[in-house]
Amino acid sequence: MSDHYEVLGVVRDASDDQIKKAYRKLARELHPDVNPAPEAQDRFKLVTHAYEVLSDPEQRRNYDMGGQNPFGQAGGFGFGDIFDSFFGGGQRGPRSRVERGQDALLRVDLSLRDAVFGVQRIMEIDTAVLCGTCQGSCCQPGTGLKTCDICRGAGQIQRQVRSLLGNVLTTAPCNSCQGYGQTIPSPCIDCRGQGRVRSRRSLDLNIPGGVEDGLRLQLAGQGEVGQAGGPNGDIYVDISVKPDEIFNRQGDDLVCELEVPLHDAALGALINIETFDGDQQVEIQPGQQTGDLITLKGKGVKHLRSNGRGDLRVQVKVVTPAKLDTKQKELFRQLQKLRKADEPKLVRHKPGHFKARH
């Protein structure tokens, strides 16, 4: 029995975030779409099962209560398991051929604009779909399953063995039918008795506005179909938002910097700026200073779980001209004479202090 913590490569007191990061890393390496090796698929199943247990607080608590038993097995292997192995405990009757399909993990790269408003994407994915020939029955059309001649449908066989306790009756899965209790005399030639085939299909993604970088979306029932027409797994979509050249995101607000020429800052001006909502007019008040904040209400990011949007906050940066021609220098000299009282002076620095103007 594998220890879930060892499977994920984390310590027993690992945080939820550490467990999630470990699972995501292993899932990217072992997922069948990335690593088709059989041993990788088996390990992917172990990793997924371990994460399902440890990511659920109640299941993890029950698992941890089992601790380490005297026989050195993690997860609560004890005397009940020992007697089950001797006296045929555990699963009773044939196991179902129908299995749930595996989950899939996809990554979608978005621009900041896509994250602001949301976007629809169509992705082509390779996955398992229901076999169109047998419709999940696993049998060639016109044929069906047959009760196993060896176990007579029980899925298990019994035999006597000698042990320290004397002669005991043990049970084991039937090798002829692999524990299903039924065999497939004429497997479907298209799916080879699996009830599903590999195929490429289109996946419609409706990504809502307000998603953030690193967010994971779950598409329930959109994954691969299970063996023998079993229920579909889920698809998980990891969101990656690329940085924008102009705007940064702070919560559901967008922030940017507006460079304003010195003369516009002194006299005031109406300036058009390009936003995700098209051109917007910004009013520069006479005497506008570097660090002043202008807010455009409702021009930010859509709220993911409610209506409305954040704001667009524009921070002013007054730009002093670095090069002047002769006429411009003369005009500044005249201004300097007219405003001779405005002499440079030291003042106390106020970190993070902005004057907000709407």
Protein backbone atom coordinates (compact mmCIF):
# COMPACT_ATOMS: atom_id res chain seq x y z
CA MET A 1 0.00 0.00 0.00
CA SER A 2 1.55 3.32 -1.08
CA ASP A 3 1.87 6.18 1.37
CA HIS A 4 0.07 9.18 -0.09
CA TYR A 5 2.64 11.63 1.28
CA GLU A 6 5.51 9.66 -0.29
CA VAL A 7 3.64 9.46 -3.60
CA LEU A 8 3.38 13.27 -3.73
CA GLY A 9 6.86 13.77 -2.29
CA VAL A 10 5.78 15.91 0.67
CA VAL A 11 6.18 15.66 4.43
CA ARG A 12 3.24 14.58 6.59
CA ASP A 13 2.70 18.10 7.99
CA ALA A 14 2.76 19.72 4.53
CA SER A 15 0.38 22.64 4.04
CA ASP A 16 -2.52 22.55 1.59
CA ASP A 17 -0.57 24.82 -0.78
CA GLN A 18 2.48 22.54 -0.67
CA ILE A 19 0.32 19.51 -1.45
CA LYS A 20 -1.37 21.35 -4.32
CA LYS A 21 1.95 22.50 -5.81
CA ALA A 22 3.42 18.99 -5.56
CA TYR A 23 0.38 17.49 -7.30
CA ARG A 24 0.36 20.07 -10.09
CA LYS A 25 4.06 19.51 -10.75
CA LEU A 26 3.69 15.72 -10.93
CA ALA A 27 0.49 15.93 -12.98
CA ARG A 28 2.25 17.99 -15.63
CA GLU A 29 5.02 15.37 -15.85
CA LEU A 30 2.89 12.22 -15.77
CA HIS A 31 -0.36 13.08 -17.56
CA PRO A 32 -1.02 10.64 -20.45
CA ASP A 33 -1.23 13.53 -22.92
CA VAL A 34 2.36 14.42 -22.01
CA ASN A 35 3.89 11.07 -21.02
CA PRO A 36 2.26 8.05 -22.74
CA ALA A 37 4.47 5.47 -21.02
CA PRO A 38 2.40 2.78 -19.19
CA GLU A 39 4.37 3.20 -15.98
CA ALA A 40 3.71 6.96 -16.08
CA GLN A 41 -0.02 6.32 -16.40
CA ASP A 42 0.01 3.99 -13.39
CA ARG A 43 1.92 6.53 -11.35
CA PHE A 44 -0.43 9.31 -12.50
CA LYS A 45 -3.35 7.33 -11.07
CA LEU A 46 -1.53 6.98 -7.74
CA VAL A 47 -0.69 10.68 -7.68
CA THR A 48 -4.27 11.66 -8.48
CA HIS A 49 -5.70 9.37 -5.82
CA ALA A 50 -3.22 10.63 -3.24
CA TYR A 51 -4.15 14.23 -4.01
CA GLU A 52 -7.89 13.48 -3.81
CA VAL A 53 -7.40 12.12 -0.29
CA LEU A 54 -4.94 14.71 1.06
CA SER A 55 -6.70 17.73 -0.47
CA ASP A 56 -9.94 16.88 1.35
CA PRO A 57 -9.66 17.86 5.06
CA GLU A 58 -11.98 15.09 6.27
CA GLN A 59 -10.33 12.35 4.19
CA ARG A 60 -6.87 13.55 5.17
CA ARG A 61 -7.80 13.53 8.86
CA ASN A 62 -9.13 9.97 8.61
CA TYR A 63 -6.03 8.91 6.67
CA ASP A 64 -3.69 10.48 9.22
CA MET A 65 -5.48 8.77 12.09
CA GLY A 66 -4.30 5.45 10.68
CA GLY A 67 -0.71 6.62 11.12
CA GLN A 68 2.07 4.01 11.16
CA ASN A 69 1.05 0.58 12.44
CA PRO A 70 3.36 -1.97 14.02
CA PHE A 71 3.82 -3.64 10.64
CA GLY A 72 5.28 -0.48 9.10
CA GLN A 73 2.51 0.23 6.60
CA ALA A 74 1.16 3.75 6.23
CA GLY A 75 -2.50 4.61 6.11
CA GLY A 76 -3.85 2.27 8.77
CA PHE A 77 -3.00 -1.24 7.53
CA GLY A 78 -3.72 -3.42 10.56
CA PHE A 79 -5.04 -6.71 11.81
CA GLY A 80 -8.21 -6.45 9.77
CA ASP A 81 -6.14 -6.44 6.59
CA ILE A 82 -4.13 -9.43 7.75
CA PHE A 83 -7.21 -11.53 8.45
CA ASP A 84 -8.73 -10.37 5.16
CA SER A 85 -5.71 -11.72 3.33
CA PHE A 86 -6.17 -15.14 5.03
CA PHE A 87 -9.94 -15.46 5.03
CA GLY A 88 -10.87 -13.78 1.78
CA GLY A 89 -12.03 -10.40 3.10
CA GLY A 90 -12.19 -7.23 1.06
CA GLN A 91 -14.03 -7.08 -2.24
CA ARG A 92 -16.97 -9.44 -2.57
CA GLY A 93 -18.25 -10.49 -5.96
CA PRO A 94 -17.09 -9.44 -9.42
CA ARG A 95 -15.70 -5.97 -10.00
CA SER A 96 -17.32 -3.62 -12.47
CA ARG A 97 -15.82 -3.30 -15.91
CA VAL A 98 -17.11 0.28 -16.03
CA GLU A 99 -14.57 2.84 -14.79
CA ARG A 100 -14.53 6.60 -14.56
CA GLY A 101 -12.38 8.36 -17.13
CA GLN A 102 -9.19 10.13 -16.14
CA ASP A 103 -9.05 13.86 -15.55
CA ALA A 104 -7.08 16.12 -17.89
CA LEU A 105 -5.03 19.23 -17.17
CA LEU A 106 -4.79 22.02 -19.74
CA ARG A 107 -3.08 25.40 -19.74
CA VAL A 108 -4.51 28.49 -21.41
CA ASP A 109 -2.48 31.64 -22.06
CA LEU A 110 -4.49 34.87 -21.91
CA SER A 111 -3.74 38.51 -22.51
CA LEU A 112 -4.66 40.94 -19.74
CA ARG A 113 -7.48 42.20 -21.95
CA ASP A 114 -8.92 38.64 -22.13
CA ALA A 115 -8.73 38.41 -18.33
CA VAL A 116 -10.53 41.77 -17.98
CA PHE A 117 -13.54 40.92 -20.14
CA GLY A 118 -13.45 37.12 -20.48
CA VAL A 119 -13.00 35.22 -23.72
CA GLN A 120 -14.22 32.17 -25.59
CA ARG A 121 -11.66 29.71 -26.89
CA ILE A 122 -11.92 26.55 -28.95
CA MET A 123 -9.19 24.02 -28.20
CA GLU A 124 -8.40 20.78 -29.99
CA ILE A 125 -7.65 17.99 -27.52
CA ASP A 126 -6.69 14.32 -27.88
CA THR A 127 -8.84 12.26 -25.56
CA ALA A 128 -10.84 9.04 -25.19
CA VAL A 129 -14.40 9.09 -26.51
CA LEU A 130 -17.18 6.52 -26.55
CA CYS A 131 -16.63 3.83 -29.19
CA GLY A 132 -19.11 4.46 -31.96
CA THR A 133 -19.16 0.82 -32.99
CA CYS A 134 -20.01 -0.92 -29.72
CA GLN A 135 -21.32 2.14 -27.79
CA GLY A 136 -19.30 1.13 -24.74
CA SER A 137 -20.38 -2.53 -24.58
CA CYS A 138 -16.83 -3.64 -25.48
CA CYS A 139 -18.33 -6.38 -27.68
CA GLN A 140 -18.53 -6.74 -31.42
CA PRO A 141 -22.08 -5.76 -32.55
CA GLY A 142 -24.42 -8.73 -32.38
CA THR A 143 -22.45 -10.38 -29.57
CA GLY A 144 -22.34 -9.94 -25.81
CA LEU A 145 -20.52 -10.71 -22.61
CA LYS A 146 -20.29 -14.31 -21.41
CA THR A 147 -20.28 -15.57 -17.84
CA CYS A 148 -16.80 -16.78 -16.94
CA ASP A 149 -16.52 -20.58 -17.05
CA ILE A 150 -13.82 -20.64 -14.37
CA CYS A 151 -15.35 -18.55 -11.58
CA ARG A 152 -18.95 -18.88 -12.84
CA GLY A 153 -19.49 -15.14 -12.61
CA ALA A 154 -18.13 -14.66 -9.10
CA GLY A 155 -15.03 -12.81 -10.27
CA GLN A 156 -13.03 -14.67 -7.64
CA ILE A 157 -11.72 -18.17 -7.05
CA GLN A 158 -11.17 -19.87 -3.72
CA ARG A 159 -8.49 -22.30 -2.69
CA GLN A 160 -7.22 -23.86 0.50
CA VAL A 161 -3.73 -23.09 1.74
CA ARG A 162 -1.83 -24.20 4.79
CA SER A 163 -0.76 -21.51 7.24
CA LEU A 164 0.22 -21.04 10.85
CA LEU A 165 -3.49 -21.06 11.61
CA GLY A 166 -4.03 -24.38 9.84
CA ASN A 167 -5.86 -24.90 6.58
CA VAL A 168 -7.60 -21.67 5.59
CA LEU A 169 -9.74 -20.70 2.63
CA THR A 170 -8.42 -17.80 0.57
CA THR A 171 -9.94 -15.90 -2.32
CA ALA A 172 -8.23 -14.19 -5.23
CA PRO A 173 -9.36 -12.48 -8.44
CA CYS A 174 -10.07 -14.90 -11.25
CA ASN A 175 -7.22 -14.88 -13.77
CA SER A 176 -9.51 -15.90 -16.61
CA CYS A 177 -11.87 -12.93 -16.41
CA GLN A 178 -9.55 -10.60 -14.44
CA GLY A 179 -12.12 -10.40 -11.67
CA TYR A 180 -14.99 -9.11 -13.83
CA GLY A 181 -17.02 -12.33 -13.69
CA GLN A 182 -17.60 -12.11 -17.43
CA THR A 183 -15.43 -12.52 -20.51
CA ILE A 184 -15.62 -10.93 -23.96
CA PRO A 185 -15.69 -13.74 -26.55
CA SER A 186 -15.78 -11.28 -29.48
CA PRO A 187 -14.16 -7.98 -28.53
CA CYS A 188 -15.05 -4.93 -30.60
CA ILE A 189 -12.44 -4.65 -33.34
CA ASP A 190 -12.42 -0.83 -33.22
CA CYS A 191 -11.83 -0.32 -29.50
CA ARG A 192 -10.29 -3.76 -28.78
CA GLY A 193 -12.78 -4.43 -26.02
CA GLN A 194 -12.22 -1.16 -24.17
CA GLY A 195 -15.52 0.53 -25.03
CA ARG A 196 -13.68 3.73 -25.96
CA VAL A 197 -11.27 4.99 -28.60
CA ARG A 198 -8.75 7.80 -28.84
CA SER A 199 -9.96 10.74 -30.86
CA ARG A 200 -9.40 14.44 -31.40
CA ARG A 201 -12.28 16.70 -30.48
CA SER A 202 -13.02 20.39 -30.05
CA LEU A 203 -13.47 21.82 -26.57
CA ASP A 204 -15.38 25.07 -26.16
CA LEU A 205 -13.94 27.14 -23.32
CA ASN A 206 -15.97 30.02 -21.95
CA ILE A 207 -13.49 31.82 -19.71
CA PRO A 208 -15.22 34.45 -17.55
CA GLY A 209 -13.92 37.96 -17.01
CA GLY A 210 -11.99 38.48 -13.79
CA VAL A 211 -9.85 35.34 -13.88
CA GLU A 212 -6.36 35.74 -12.43
CA ASP A 213 -2.99 34.27 -13.28
CA GLY A 214 -2.66 30.86 -11.62
CA LEU A 215 -6.41 30.28 -11.27
CA ARG A 216 -7.65 26.76 -12.02
CA LEU A 217 -11.05 26.21 -13.61
CA GLN A 218 -12.88 22.88 -13.42
CA LEU A 219 -14.96 21.61 -16.34
CA ALA A 220 -16.95 18.79 -14.78
CA GLY A 221 -17.61 15.83 -17.06
CA GLN A 222 -15.59 17.24 -19.96
CA GLY A 223 -12.66 14.82 -19.64
CA GLU A 224 -12.15 11.45 -21.26
CA VAL A 225 -14.85 8.80 -21.21
CA GLY A 226 -14.19 5.89 -18.89
CA GLN A 227 -13.55 2.27 -19.78
CA ALA A 228 -16.65 0.39 -20.97
CA GLY A 229 -18.51 3.65 -21.44
CA GLY A 230 -17.90 4.78 -17.86
CA PRO A 231 -18.57 8.38 -16.76
CA ASN A 232 -16.33 11.12 -18.09
CA GLY A 233 -13.55 12.57 -16.01
CA ASP A 234 -13.09 16.30 -15.52
CA ILE A 235 -10.91 18.83 -17.28
CA TYR A 236 -8.93 21.32 -15.24
CA VAL A 237 -7.77 24.52 -16.95
CA ASP A 238 -4.81 26.44 -15.53
CA ILE A 239 -4.98 30.14 -16.39
CA SER A 240 -1.79 32.00 -17.32
CA VAL A 241 -2.13 35.76 -17.88
CA LYS A 242 0.66 37.44 -19.83
CA PRO A 243 1.89 40.87 -18.59
CA ASP A 244 0.56 43.89 -20.48
CA GLU A 245 2.86 46.59 -21.88
CA ILE A 246 0.86 49.44 -20.30
CA PHE A 247 -1.48 48.24 -17.58
CA ASN A 248 -0.85 46.37 -14.35
CA ARG A 249 -3.54 44.66 -12.31
CA GLN A 250 -4.12 45.30 -8.62
CA GLY A 251 -7.07 43.24 -7.46
CA ASP A 252 -9.87 44.19 -9.83
CA ASP A 253 -8.32 47.60 -10.56
CA LEU A 254 -6.06 48.49 -13.46
CA VAL A 255 -3.20 50.94 -12.89
CA CYS A 256 -0.98 52.81 -15.32
CA GLU A 257 1.19 55.91 -15.51
CA LEU A 258 0.47 58.96 -17.68
CA GLU A 259 3.41 61.14 -18.68
CA VAL A 260 2.22 64.76 -18.92
CA PRO A 261 4.30 67.56 -20.49
CA LEU A 262 5.23 70.36 -18.11
CA HIS A 263 3.14 72.98 -19.89
CA ASP A 264 -0.01 70.79 -19.83
CA ALA A 265 0.51 70.12 -16.12
CA ALA A 266 0.83 73.85 -15.47
CA LEU A 267 -2.05 75.08 -17.62
CA GLY A 268 -4.34 72.04 -17.63
CA ALA A 269 -5.45 70.00 -20.63
CA LEU A 270 -7.85 67.36 -21.93
CA ILE A 271 -5.91 64.26 -22.98
CA ASN A 272 -7.21 61.17 -24.78
CA ILE A 273 -5.74 57.89 -23.55
CA GLU A 274 -6.18 54.42 -25.08
CA THR A 275 -7.75 51.89 -22.69
CA PHE A 276 -9.29 48.43 -23.01
CA ASP A 277 -12.61 50.26 -23.41
CA GLY A 278 -11.31 52.40 -26.28
CA ASP A 279 -10.25 56.05 -26.10
CA GLN A 280 -11.08 57.77 -22.83
CA GLN A 281 -10.72 61.47 -22.04
CA VAL A 282 -8.69 62.44 -19.00
CA GLU A 283 -8.76 65.96 -17.58
CA ILE A 284 -5.46 67.37 -16.38
CA GLN A 285 -6.17 70.10 -13.85
CA PRO A 286 -4.03 73.29 -13.87
CA GLY A 287 -1.15 72.72 -11.48
CA GLN A 288 -1.32 68.91 -11.71
CA GLN A 289 1.58 67.33 -9.85
CA THR A 290 3.58 64.14 -10.24
CA GLY A 291 1.97 61.43 -8.14
CA ASP A 292 -1.57 62.78 -8.51
CA LEU A 293 -4.07 60.00 -9.14
CA ILE A 294 -6.91 60.20 -11.65
CA THR A 295 -9.58 57.49 -11.36
CA LEU A 296 -11.83 56.29 -14.17
CA LYS A 297 -14.69 54.50 -12.45
CA GLY A 298 -15.79 51.10 -13.79
CA LYS A 299 -12.99 50.80 -16.36
CA GLY A 300 -11.10 48.05 -14.58
CA VAL A 301 -11.46 44.28 -14.41
CA LYS A 302 -14.80 42.49 -14.28
CA HIS A 303 -15.62 41.04 -10.87
CA LEU A 304 -15.36 37.27 -11.16
CA ARG A 305 -18.16 36.39 -8.73
CA SER A 306 -20.37 39.47 -8.87
CA ASN A 307 -21.53 42.19 -11.22
CA GLY A 308 -19.61 45.34 -11.96
CA ARG A 309 -15.99 46.17 -12.60
CA GLY A 310 -13.05 47.67 -10.81
CA ASP A 311 -11.55 51.08 -11.64
CA LEU A 312 -8.76 52.34 -13.88
CA ARG A 313 -6.31 54.40 -11.82
CA VAL A 314 -4.00 56.71 -13.75
CA GLN A 315 -0.99 58.12 -11.92
CA VAL A 316 0.35 61.40 -13.28
CA LYS A 317 4.04 61.87 -14.01
CA VAL A 318 5.01 65.42 -14.99
CA VAL A 319 7.80 65.35 -17.55
CA THR A 320 10.38 68.14 -17.55
CA PRO A 321 11.80 68.80 -21.05
CA ALA A 322 15.42 67.67 -21.35
CA LYS A 323 16.25 69.64 -24.50
CA LEU A 324 15.12 73.18 -25.39
CA ASP A 325 15.77 75.29 -28.43
CA THR A 326 16.82 78.96 -28.18
CA LYS A 327 13.29 80.36 -28.24
CA GLN A 328 12.04 77.89 -25.62
CA LYS A 329 14.97 78.69 -23.34
CA GLU A 330 14.18 82.39 -23.59
CA LEU A 331 10.55 81.77 -22.66
CA PHE A 332 11.57 79.76 -19.62
CA ARG A 333 14.00 82.53 -18.57
CA GLN A 334 11.13 85.00 -18.74
CA LEU A 335 8.96 82.65 -16.66
CA GLN A 336 11.82 82.26 -14.19
CA LYS A 337 12.00 86.03 -13.73
CA LEU A 338 8.22 86.31 -13.34
CA ARG A 339 8.15 83.55 -10.69
CA LYS A 340 11.36 84.47 -8.90
CA ALA A 341 9.67 83.92 -5.55
CA ASP A 342 9.35 80.20 -6.33
CA GLU A 343 12.68 79.09 -4.96
CA PRO A 344 13.69 75.44 -4.39
CA LYS A 345 13.23 74.22 -0.81
CA LEU A 346 13.55 71.00 1.14
CA VAL A 347 10.38 69.31 2.45
CA ARG A 348 9.71 66.13 4.35
CA HIS A 349 9.40 63.00 2.14
CA LYS A 350 6.00 61.31 2.28
CA PRO A 351 6.33 57.72 0.97
CA GLY A 352 3.32 56.44 -0.92
CA HIS A 353 1.43 59.74 -0.57
CA PHE A 354 -0.78 60.57 -3.52
CA LYS A 355 -3.39 63.23 -3.99
CA ALA A 356 -6.45 61.66 -5.58
CA ARG A 357 -8.34 63.72 -8.09
CA HIS A 358 -11.39 62.30 -9.85
